[in-house]
Amino acid sequence: KKPQIDFRCGVNSGNVIVGNMGSENRFDYTVMGDTVN
């Protein structure tokens, strides 16, 4: 039977580095920085 679930959420705003991150063959559009952490 499908269980009942709950989730927690964290939100923060600030400067980040945003762009394509990864290797030459595989990368993602993402953000990095202390704001994310």
PDB file of all heavy atoms in Angstrom:
ATOM      1  N   LYS A   1       0.855  -1.189   0.000  1.00  0.00           N
ATOM      2  CA  LYS A   1       0.000   0.000   0.000  1.00  0.00           C
ATOM      3  C   LYS A   1       0.889   1.237   0.000  1.00  0.00           C
ATOM      4  O   LYS A   1       1.944   1.261   0.633  1.00  0.00           O
ATOM      5  CB  LYS A   1      -0.902   0.000   1.239  1.00  0.00           C
ATOM      6  CG  LYS A   1      -1.850   1.210   1.320  1.00  0.00           C
ATOM      7  CD  LYS A   1      -2.759   1.119   2.516  1.00  0.00           C
ATOM      8  CE  LYS A   1      -3.624   2.367   2.652  1.00  0.00           C
ATOM      9  NZ  LYS A   1      -4.446   2.632   1.458  1.00  0.00           N
ATOM     10  N   LYS A   2       0.465   2.267  -0.708  1.00  0.00           N
ATOM     11  CA  LYS A   2       1.259   3.492  -0.773  1.00  0.00           C
ATOM     12  C   LYS A   2       1.319   4.149   0.604  1.00  0.00           C
ATOM     13  O   LYS A   2       0.283   4.384   1.222  1.00  0.00           O
ATOM     14  CB  LYS A   2       0.669   4.468  -1.787  1.00  0.00           C
ATOM     15  CG  LYS A   2       0.817   4.001  -3.235  1.00  0.00           C
ATOM     16  CD  LYS A   2       0.263   5.031  -4.208  1.00  0.00           C
ATOM     17  CE  LYS A   2       0.497   4.584  -5.650  1.00  0.00           C
ATOM     18  NZ  LYS A   2      -0.041   5.549  -6.633  1.00  0.00           N
ATOM     19  N   PRO A   3       2.521   4.453   1.088  1.00  0.00           N
ATOM     20  CA  PRO A   3       2.646   5.055   2.429  1.00  0.00           C
ATOM     21  C   PRO A   3       2.338   6.549   2.395  1.00  0.00           C
ATOM     22  O   PRO A   3       2.349   7.190   1.345  1.00  0.00           O
ATOM     23  CB  PRO A   3       4.117   4.812   2.772  1.00  0.00           C
ATOM     24  CG  PRO A   3       4.804   4.834   1.437  1.00  0.00           C
ATOM     25  CD  PRO A   3       3.831   4.220   0.464  1.00  0.00           C
ATOM     26  N   GLN A   4       2.063   7.106   3.561  1.00  0.00           N
ATOM     27  CA  GLN A   4       1.920   8.554   3.709  1.00  0.00           C
ATOM     28  C   GLN A   4       3.303   9.134   3.970  1.00  0.00           C
ATOM     29  O   GLN A   4       4.054   8.620   4.811  1.00  0.00           O
ATOM     30  CB  GLN A   4       0.972   8.881   4.859  1.00  0.00           C
ATOM     31  CG  GLN A   4      -0.443   8.338   4.660  1.00  0.00           C
ATOM     32  CD  GLN A   4      -1.194   9.040   3.533  1.00  0.00           C
ATOM     33  OE1 GLN A   4      -1.604  10.191   3.669  1.00  0.00           O
ATOM     34  NE2 GLN A   4      -1.374   8.364   2.414  1.00  0.00           N
ATOM     35  N   ILE A   5       3.654  10.197   3.275  1.00  0.00           N
ATOM     36  CA  ILE A   5       5.002  10.751   3.400  1.00  0.00           C
ATOM     37  C   ILE A   5       4.942  12.225   3.805  1.00  0.00           C
ATOM     38  O   ILE A   5       3.891  12.867   3.725  1.00  0.00           O
ATOM     39  CB  ILE A   5       5.809  10.606   2.096  1.00  0.00           C
ATOM     40  CG1 ILE A   5       5.166  11.438   0.972  1.00  0.00           C
ATOM     41  CG2 ILE A   5       5.933   9.153   1.686  1.00  0.00           C
ATOM     42  CD1 ILE A   5       6.021  11.496  -0.287  1.00  0.00           C
ATOM     43  N   ASP A   6       6.085  12.732   4.228  1.00  0.00           N
ATOM     44  CA  ASP A   6       6.235  14.144   4.554  1.00  0.00           C
ATOM     45  C   ASP A   6       7.630  14.559   4.099  1.00  0.00           C
ATOM     46  O   ASP A   6       8.526  13.720   3.927  1.00  0.00           O
ATOM     47  CB  ASP A   6       6.069  14.370   6.061  1.00  0.00           C
ATOM     48  CG  ASP A   6       5.729  15.824   6.385  1.00  0.00           C
ATOM     49  OD1 ASP A   6       5.723  16.653   5.451  1.00  0.00           O
ATOM     50  OD2 ASP A   6       5.482  16.112   7.568  1.00  0.00           O
ATOM     51  N   PHE A   7       7.836  15.852   3.903  1.00  0.00           N
ATOM     52  CA  PHE A   7       9.162  16.309   3.502  1.00  0.00           C
ATOM     53  C   PHE A   7       9.518  17.597   4.219  1.00  0.00           C
ATOM     54  O   PHE A   7       8.657  18.329   4.706  1.00  0.00           O
ATOM     55  CB  PHE A   7       9.269  16.496   1.979  1.00  0.00           C
ATOM     56  CG  PHE A   7       8.502  17.680   1.427  1.00  0.00           C
ATOM     57  CD1 PHE A   7       9.031  18.967   1.477  1.00  0.00           C
ATOM     58  CD2 PHE A   7       7.256  17.507   0.850  1.00  0.00           C
ATOM     59  CE1 PHE A   7       8.332  20.050   0.963  1.00  0.00           C
ATOM     60  CE2 PHE A   7       6.541  18.579   0.343  1.00  0.00           C
ATOM     61  CZ  PHE A   7       7.084  19.855   0.406  1.00  0.00           C
ATOM     62  N   ARG A   8      10.830  17.854   4.296  1.00  0.00           N
ATOM     63  CA  ARG A   8      11.362  19.088   4.860  1.00  0.00           C
ATOM     64  C   ARG A   8      11.954  19.921   3.721  1.00  0.00           C
ATOM     65  O   ARG A   8      12.370  19.387   2.701  1.00  0.00           O
ATOM     66  CB  ARG A   8      12.435  18.780   5.895  1.00  0.00           C
ATOM     67  CG  ARG A   8      11.925  17.990   7.102  1.00  0.00           C
ATOM     68  CD  ARG A   8      13.058  17.679   8.053  1.00  0.00           C
ATOM     69  NE  ARG A   8      13.998  16.737   7.446  1.00  0.00           N
ATOM     70  CZ  ARG A   8      13.986  15.431   7.660  1.00  0.00           C
ATOM     71  NH1 ARG A   8      13.082  14.907   8.471  1.00  0.00           N
ATOM     72  NH2 ARG A   8      14.853  14.646   7.079  1.00  0.00           N
ATOM     73  N   CYS A   9      12.015  21.244   3.937  1.00  0.00           N
ATOM     74  CA  CYS A   9      12.468  22.143   2.869  1.00  0.00           C
ATOM     75  C   CYS A   9      13.364  23.245   3.437  1.00  0.00           C
ATOM     76  O   CYS A   9      13.086  23.782   4.512  1.00  0.00           O
ATOM     77  CB  CYS A   9      11.255  22.755   2.165  1.00  0.00           C
ATOM     78  SG  CYS A   9      11.672  23.856   0.814  1.00  0.00           S
ATOM     79  N   GLY A  10      14.435  23.552   2.712  1.00  0.00           N
ATOM     80  CA  GLY A  10      15.320  24.660   3.063  1.00  0.00           C
ATOM     81  C   GLY A  10      15.444  25.619   1.903  1.00  0.00           C
ATOM     82  O   GLY A  10      15.566  25.193   0.753  1.00  0.00           O
ATOM     83  N   VAL A  11      15.401  26.929   2.184  1.00  0.00           N
ATOM     84  CA  VAL A  11      15.478  27.954   1.139  1.00  0.00           C
ATOM     85  C   VAL A  11      16.527  28.988   1.547  1.00  0.00           C
ATOM     86  O   VAL A  11      16.547  29.441   2.694  1.00  0.00           O
ATOM     87  CB  VAL A  11      14.119  28.669   0.932  1.00  0.00           C
ATOM     88  CG1 VAL A  11      14.236  29.692  -0.197  1.00  0.00           C
ATOM     89  CG2 VAL A  11      13.020  27.656   0.635  1.00  0.00           C
ATOM     90  N   ASN A  12      17.378  29.342   0.587  1.00  0.00           N
ATOM     91  CA  ASN A  12      18.382  30.378   0.838  1.00  0.00           C
ATOM     92  C   ASN A  12      18.588  31.202  -0.421  1.00  0.00           C
ATOM     93  O   ASN A  12      18.422  30.698  -1.539  1.00  0.00           O
ATOM     94  CB  ASN A  12      19.717  29.746   1.258  1.00  0.00           C
ATOM     95  CG  ASN A  12      20.744  30.783   1.651  1.00  0.00           C
ATOM     96  OD1 ASN A  12      20.405  31.829   2.193  1.00  0.00           O
ATOM     97  ND2 ASN A  12      22.005  30.510   1.383  1.00  0.00           N
ATOM     98  N   SER A  13      18.928  32.476  -0.254  1.00  0.00           N
ATOM     99  CA  SER A  13      19.134  33.388  -1.375  1.00  0.00           C
ATOM    100  C   SER A  13      20.516  34.015  -1.277  1.00  0.00           C
ATOM    101  O   SER A  13      20.992  34.335  -0.185  1.00  0.00           O
ATOM    102  CB  SER A  13      18.069  34.491  -1.372  1.00  0.00           C
ATOM    103  OG  SER A  13      16.771  33.948  -1.377  1.00  0.00           O
ATOM    104  N   GLY A  14      21.152  34.207  -2.443  1.00  0.00           N
ATOM    105  CA  GLY A  14      22.478  34.817  -2.467  1.00  0.00           C
ATOM    106  C   GLY A  14      23.163  34.591  -3.787  1.00  0.00           C
ATOM    107  O   GLY A  14      22.571  34.072  -4.752  1.00  0.00           O
ATOM    108  N   ASN A  15      24.436  34.956  -3.855  1.00  0.00           N
ATOM    109  CA  ASN A  15      25.215  34.820  -5.082  1.00  0.00           C
ATOM    110  C   ASN A  15      25.709  33.390  -5.268  1.00  0.00           C
ATOM    111  O   ASN A  15      26.120  32.740  -4.303  1.00  0.00           O
ATOM    112  CB  ASN A  15      26.412  35.768  -5.065  1.00  0.00           C
ATOM    113  CG  ASN A  15      26.000  37.216  -5.261  1.00  0.00           C
ATOM    114  OD1 ASN A  15      25.092  37.502  -6.040  1.00  0.00           O
ATOM    115  ND2 ASN A  15      26.653  38.127  -4.567  1.00  0.00           N
ATOM    116  N   VAL A  16      25.664  32.932  -6.517  1.00  0.00           N
ATOM    117  CA  VAL A  16      26.150  31.603  -6.874  1.00  0.00           C
ATOM    118  C   VAL A  16      26.873  31.696  -8.222  1.00  0.00           C
ATOM    119  O   VAL A  16      26.778  32.697  -8.924  1.00  0.00           O
ATOM    120  CB  VAL A  16      25.002  30.572  -7.000  1.00  0.00           C
ATOM    121  CG1 VAL A  16      24.271  30.398  -5.694  1.00  0.00           C
ATOM    122  CG2 VAL A  16      24.044  30.979  -8.115  1.00  0.00           C
ATOM    123  N   ILE A  17      27.581  30.647  -8.553  1.00  0.00           N
ATOM    124  CA  ILE A  17      28.087  30.471  -9.916  1.00  0.00           C
ATOM    125  C   ILE A  17      27.120  29.543 -10.620  1.00  0.00           C
ATOM    126  O   ILE A  17      26.858  28.436 -10.149  1.00  0.00           O
ATOM    127  CB  ILE A  17      29.504  29.859  -9.923  1.00  0.00           C
ATOM    128  CG1 ILE A  17      30.485  30.800  -9.216  1.00  0.00           C
ATOM    129  CG2 ILE A  17      29.962  29.609 -11.359  1.00  0.00           C
ATOM    130  CD1 ILE A  17      30.646  32.139  -9.883  1.00  0.00           C
ATOM    131  N   VAL A  18      26.543  30.005 -11.727  1.00  0.00           N
ATOM    132  CA  VAL A  18      25.561  29.210 -12.455  1.00  0.00           C
ATOM    133  C   VAL A  18      26.035  28.996 -13.880  1.00  0.00           C
ATOM    134  O   VAL A  18      26.565  29.913 -14.519  1.00  0.00           O
ATOM    135  CB  VAL A  18      24.167  29.892 -12.436  1.00  0.00           C
ATOM    136  CG1 VAL A  18      24.247  31.309 -12.988  1.00  0.00           C
ATOM    137  CG2 VAL A  18      23.143  29.090 -13.214  1.00  0.00           C
ATOM    138  N   GLY A  19      25.872  27.770 -14.380  1.00  0.00           N
ATOM    139  CA  GLY A  19      26.288  27.454 -15.740  1.00  0.00           C
ATOM    140  C   GLY A  19      26.433  25.963 -15.925  1.00  0.00           C
ATOM    141  O   GLY A  19      26.004  25.166 -15.087  1.00  0.00           O
ATOM    142  N   ASN A  20      27.049  25.582 -17.028  1.00  0.00           N
ATOM    143  CA  ASN A  20      27.289  24.173 -17.308  1.00  0.00           C
ATOM    144  C   ASN A  20      28.507  23.701 -16.539  1.00  0.00           C
ATOM    145  O   ASN A  20      29.618  24.195 -16.747  1.00  0.00           O
ATOM    146  CB  ASN A  20      27.509  23.951 -18.810  1.00  0.00           C
ATOM    147  CG  ASN A  20      26.198  23.894 -19.552  1.00  0.00           C
ATOM    148  OD1 ASN A  20      25.191  23.485 -19.002  1.00  0.00           O
ATOM    149  ND2 ASN A  20      26.205  24.299 -20.804  1.00  0.00           N
ATOM    150  N   MET A  21      28.310  22.751 -15.641  1.00  0.00           N
ATOM    151  CA  MET A  21      29.391  22.223 -14.816  1.00  0.00           C
ATOM    152  C   MET A  21      29.555  20.734 -15.114  1.00  0.00           C
ATOM    153  O   MET A  21      28.574  20.018 -15.274  1.00  0.00           O
ATOM    154  CB  MET A  21      29.092  22.403 -13.324  1.00  0.00           C
ATOM    155  CG  MET A  21      28.617  23.804 -12.937  1.00  0.00           C
ATOM    156  SD  MET A  21      29.900  25.037 -13.057  1.00  0.00           S
ATOM    157  CE  MET A  21      28.973  26.489 -12.523  1.00  0.00           C
ATOM    158  N   GLY A  22      30.794  20.289 -15.171  1.00  0.00           N
ATOM    159  CA  GLY A  22      31.046  18.874 -15.386  1.00  0.00           C
ATOM    160  C   GLY A  22      32.265  18.662 -16.251  1.00  0.00           C
ATOM    161  O   GLY A  22      33.172  19.497 -16.319  1.00  0.00           O
ATOM    162  N   SER A  23      32.285  17.536 -16.942  1.00  0.00           N
ATOM    163  CA  SER A  23      33.401  17.215 -17.829  1.00  0.00           C
ATOM    164  C   SER A  23      33.068  17.616 -19.260  1.00  0.00           C
ATOM    165  O   SER A  23      31.964  18.086 -19.554  1.00  0.00           O
ATOM    166  CB  SER A  23      33.689  15.710 -17.771  1.00  0.00           C
ATOM    167  OG  SER A  23      32.604  14.986 -18.329  1.00  0.00           O
ATOM    168  N   GLU A  24      34.001  17.417 -20.176  1.00  0.00           N
ATOM    169  CA  GLU A  24      33.771  17.767 -21.572  1.00  0.00           C
ATOM    170  C   GLU A  24      32.687  16.906 -22.183  1.00  0.00           C
ATOM    171  O   GLU A  24      31.977  17.334 -23.095  1.00  0.00           O
ATOM    172  CB  GLU A  24      35.071  17.614 -22.370  1.00  0.00           C
ATOM    173  CG  GLU A  24      36.148  18.627 -21.980  1.00  0.00           C
ATOM    174  CD  GLU A  24      37.390  18.470 -22.823  1.00  0.00           C
ATOM    175  OE1 GLU A  24      37.401  17.561 -23.677  1.00  0.00           O
ATOM    176  OE2 GLU A  24      38.341  19.254 -22.628  1.00  0.00           O
ATOM    177  N   ASN A  25      32.556  15.677 -21.708  1.00  0.00           N
ATOM    178  CA  ASN A  25      31.599  14.745 -22.304  1.00  0.00           C
ATOM    179  C   ASN A  25      30.258  14.717 -21.599  1.00  0.00           C
ATOM    180  O   ASN A  25      29.253  14.329 -22.183  1.00  0.00           O
ATOM    181  CB  ASN A  25      32.191  13.322 -22.311  1.00  0.00           C
ATOM    182  CG  ASN A  25      33.458  13.237 -23.133  1.00  0.00           C
ATOM    183  OD1 ASN A  25      33.557  13.843 -24.194  1.00  0.00           O
ATOM    184  ND2 ASN A  25      34.434  12.483 -22.639  1.00  0.00           N
ATOM    185  N   ARG A  26      30.225  15.122 -20.352  1.00  0.00           N
ATOM    186  CA  ARG A  26      28.972  15.090 -19.605  1.00  0.00           C
ATOM    187  C   ARG A  26      28.939  16.251 -18.618  1.00  0.00           C
ATOM    188  O   ARG A  26      29.856  16.416 -17.824  1.00  0.00           O
ATOM    189  CB  ARG A  26      28.806  13.761 -18.859  1.00  0.00           C
ATOM    190  CG  ARG A  26      27.488  13.679 -18.099  1.00  0.00           C
ATOM    191  CD  ARG A  26      27.269  12.298 -17.512  1.00  0.00           C
ATOM    192  NE  ARG A  26      26.055  12.240 -16.725  1.00  0.00           N
ATOM    193  CZ  ARG A  26      24.835  12.087 -17.227  1.00  0.00           C
ATOM    194  NH1 ARG A  26      24.686  11.993 -18.529  1.00  0.00           N
ATOM    195  NH2 ARG A  26      23.772  12.035 -16.454  1.00  0.00           N
ATOM    196  N   PHE A  27      27.890  17.063 -18.696  1.00  0.00           N
ATOM    197  CA  PHE A  27      27.780  18.200 -17.794  1.00  0.00           C
ATOM    198  C   PHE A  27      26.317  18.494 -17.514  1.00  0.00           C
ATOM    199  O   PHE A  27      25.423  18.027 -18.212  1.00  0.00           O
ATOM    200  CB  PHE A  27      28.471  19.435 -18.380  1.00  0.00           C
ATOM    201  CG  PHE A  27      28.047  19.781 -19.772  1.00  0.00           C
ATOM    202  CD1 PHE A  27      26.891  20.490 -20.014  1.00  0.00           C
ATOM    203  CD2 PHE A  27      28.817  19.379 -20.856  1.00  0.00           C
ATOM    204  CE1 PHE A  27      26.496  20.809 -21.296  1.00  0.00           C
ATOM    205  CE2 PHE A  27      28.424  19.691 -22.155  1.00  0.00           C
ATOM    206  CZ  PHE A  27      27.271  20.406 -22.373  1.00  0.00           C
ATOM    207  N   ASP A  28      26.076  19.271 -16.472  1.00  0.00           N
ATOM    208  CA  ASP A  28      24.726  19.672 -16.084  1.00  0.00           C
ATOM    209  C   ASP A  28      24.695  21.179 -15.912  1.00  0.00           C
ATOM    210  O   ASP A  28      25.686  21.803 -15.529  1.00  0.00           O
ATOM    211  CB  ASP A  28      24.312  19.014 -14.760  1.00  0.00           C
ATOM    212  CG  ASP A  28      24.065  17.522 -14.911  1.00  0.00           C
ATOM    213  OD1 ASP A  28      23.428  17.129 -15.901  1.00  0.00           O
ATOM    214  OD2 ASP A  28      24.522  16.762 -14.042  1.00  0.00           O
ATOM    215  N   TYR A  29      23.510  21.750 -16.160  1.00  0.00           N
ATOM    216  CA  TYR A  29      23.291  23.158 -15.871  1.00  0.00           C
ATOM    217  C   TYR A  29      22.911  23.252 -14.405  1.00  0.00           C
ATOM    218  O   TYR A  29      21.863  22.750 -13.997  1.00  0.00           O
ATOM    219  CB  TYR A  29      22.179  23.719 -16.761  1.00  0.00           C
ATOM    220  CG  TYR A  29      22.002  25.211 -16.620  1.00  0.00           C
ATOM    221  CD1 TYR A  29      22.875  26.088 -17.243  1.00  0.00           C
ATOM    222  CD2 TYR A  29      20.979  25.736 -15.850  1.00  0.00           C
ATOM    223  CE1 TYR A  29      22.729  27.459 -17.107  1.00  0.00           C
ATOM    224  CE2 TYR A  29      20.820  27.098 -15.710  1.00  0.00           C
ATOM    225  CZ  TYR A  29      21.697  27.955 -16.339  1.00  0.00           C
ATOM    226  OH  TYR A  29      21.543  29.308 -16.198  1.00  0.00           O
ATOM    227  N   THR A  30      23.766  23.852 -13.598  1.00  0.00           N
ATOM    228  CA  THR A  30      23.569  23.807 -12.158  1.00  0.00           C
ATOM    229  C   THR A  30      24.130  25.062 -11.506  1.00  0.00           C
ATOM    230  O   THR A  30      24.677  25.941 -12.191  1.00  0.00           O
ATOM    231  CB  THR A  30      24.230  22.549 -11.557  1.00  0.00           C
ATOM    232  OG1 THR A  30      23.895  22.446 -10.179  1.00  0.00           O
ATOM    233  CG2 THR A  30      25.733  22.593 -11.714  1.00  0.00           C
ATOM    234  N   VAL A  31      23.992  25.150 -10.194  1.00  0.00           N
ATOM    235  CA  VAL A  31      24.532  26.268  -9.423  1.00  0.00           C
ATOM    236  C   VAL A  31      25.495  25.725  -8.367  1.00  0.00           C
ATOM    237  O   VAL A  31      25.321  24.622  -7.862  1.00  0.00           O
ATOM    238  CB  VAL A  31      23.413  27.085  -8.737  1.00  0.00           C
ATOM    239  CG1 VAL A  31      22.600  27.824  -9.770  1.00  0.00           C
ATOM    240  CG2 VAL A  31      22.509  26.194  -7.888  1.00  0.00           C
ATOM    241  N   MET A  32      26.503  26.518  -8.054  1.00  0.00           N
ATOM    242  CA  MET A  32      27.483  26.128  -7.052  1.00  0.00           C
ATOM    243  C   MET A  32      27.828  27.324  -6.191  1.00  0.00           C
ATOM    244  O   MET A  32      27.768  28.469  -6.644  1.00  0.00           O
ATOM    245  CB  MET A  32      28.758  25.588  -7.728  1.00  0.00           C
ATOM    246  CG  MET A  32      28.554  24.344  -8.563  1.00  0.00           C
ATOM    247  SD  MET A  32      30.085  23.778  -9.331  1.00  0.00           S
ATOM    248  CE  MET A  32      30.998  23.272  -7.870  1.00  0.00           C
ATOM    249  N   GLY A  33      28.176  27.059  -4.940  1.00  0.00           N
ATOM    250  CA  GLY A  33      28.594  28.134  -4.053  1.00  0.00           C
ATOM    251  C   GLY A  33      28.092  27.944  -2.641  1.00  0.00           C
ATOM    252  O   GLY A  33      27.341  27.002  -2.336  1.00  0.00           O
ATOM    253  N   ASP A  34      28.498  28.832  -1.763  1.00  0.00           N
ATOM    254  CA  ASP A  34      28.138  28.756  -0.356  1.00  0.00           C
ATOM    255  C   ASP A  34      26.637  28.893  -0.140  1.00  0.00           C
ATOM    256  O   ASP A  34      26.073  28.321   0.799  1.00  0.00           O
ATOM    257  CB  ASP A  34      28.879  29.848   0.417  1.00  0.00           C
ATOM    258  CG  ASP A  34      28.778  29.660   1.925  1.00  0.00           C
ATOM    259  OD1 ASP A  34      29.113  28.564   2.410  1.00  0.00           O
ATOM    260  OD2 ASP A  34      28.349  30.593   2.600  1.00  0.00           O
ATOM    261  N   THR A  35      25.978  29.648  -1.022  1.00  0.00           N
ATOM    262  CA  THR A  35      24.522  29.812  -0.926  1.00  0.00           C
ATOM    263  C   THR A  35      23.816  28.468  -1.051  1.00  0.00           C
ATOM    264  O   THR A  35      22.842  28.196  -0.343  1.00  0.00           O
ATOM    265  CB  THR A  35      24.028  30.766  -2.035  1.00  0.00           C
ATOM    266  OG1 THR A  35      24.598  32.062  -1.809  1.00  0.00           O
ATOM    267  CG2 THR A  35      22.520  30.872  -2.038  1.00  0.00           C
ATOM    268  N   VAL A  36      24.312  27.627  -1.945  1.00  0.00           N
ATOM    269  CA  VAL A  36      23.732  26.297  -2.160  1.00  0.00           C
ATOM    270  C   VAL A  36      23.934  25.430  -0.917  1.00  0.00           C
ATOM    271  O   VAL A  36      23.016  24.743  -0.451  1.00  0.00           O
ATOM    272  CB  VAL A  36      24.355  25.634  -3.401  1.00  0.00           C
ATOM    273  CG1 VAL A  36      23.724  24.258  -3.655  1.00  0.00           C
ATOM    274  CG2 VAL A  36      24.192  26.523  -4.628  1.00  0.00           C
ATOM    275  N   ASN A  37      25.143  25.472  -0.379  1.00  0.00           N
ATOM    276  CA  ASN A  37      25.444  24.651   0.795  1.00  0.00           C
ATOM    277  C   ASN A  37      24.562  25.025   1.985  1.00  0.00           C
ATOM    278  O   ASN A  37      24.076  24.153   2.713  1.00  0.00           O
ATOM    279  CB  ASN A  37      26.926  24.814   1.178  1.00  0.00           C
ATOM    280  CG  ASN A  37      27.854  24.345   0.087  1.00  0.00           C
ATOM    281  OD1 ASN A  37      27.501  23.474  -0.709  1.00  0.00           O
ATOM    282  ND2 ASN A  37      29.037  24.925   0.028  1.00  0.00           N
TER     283      ASN A  37
END
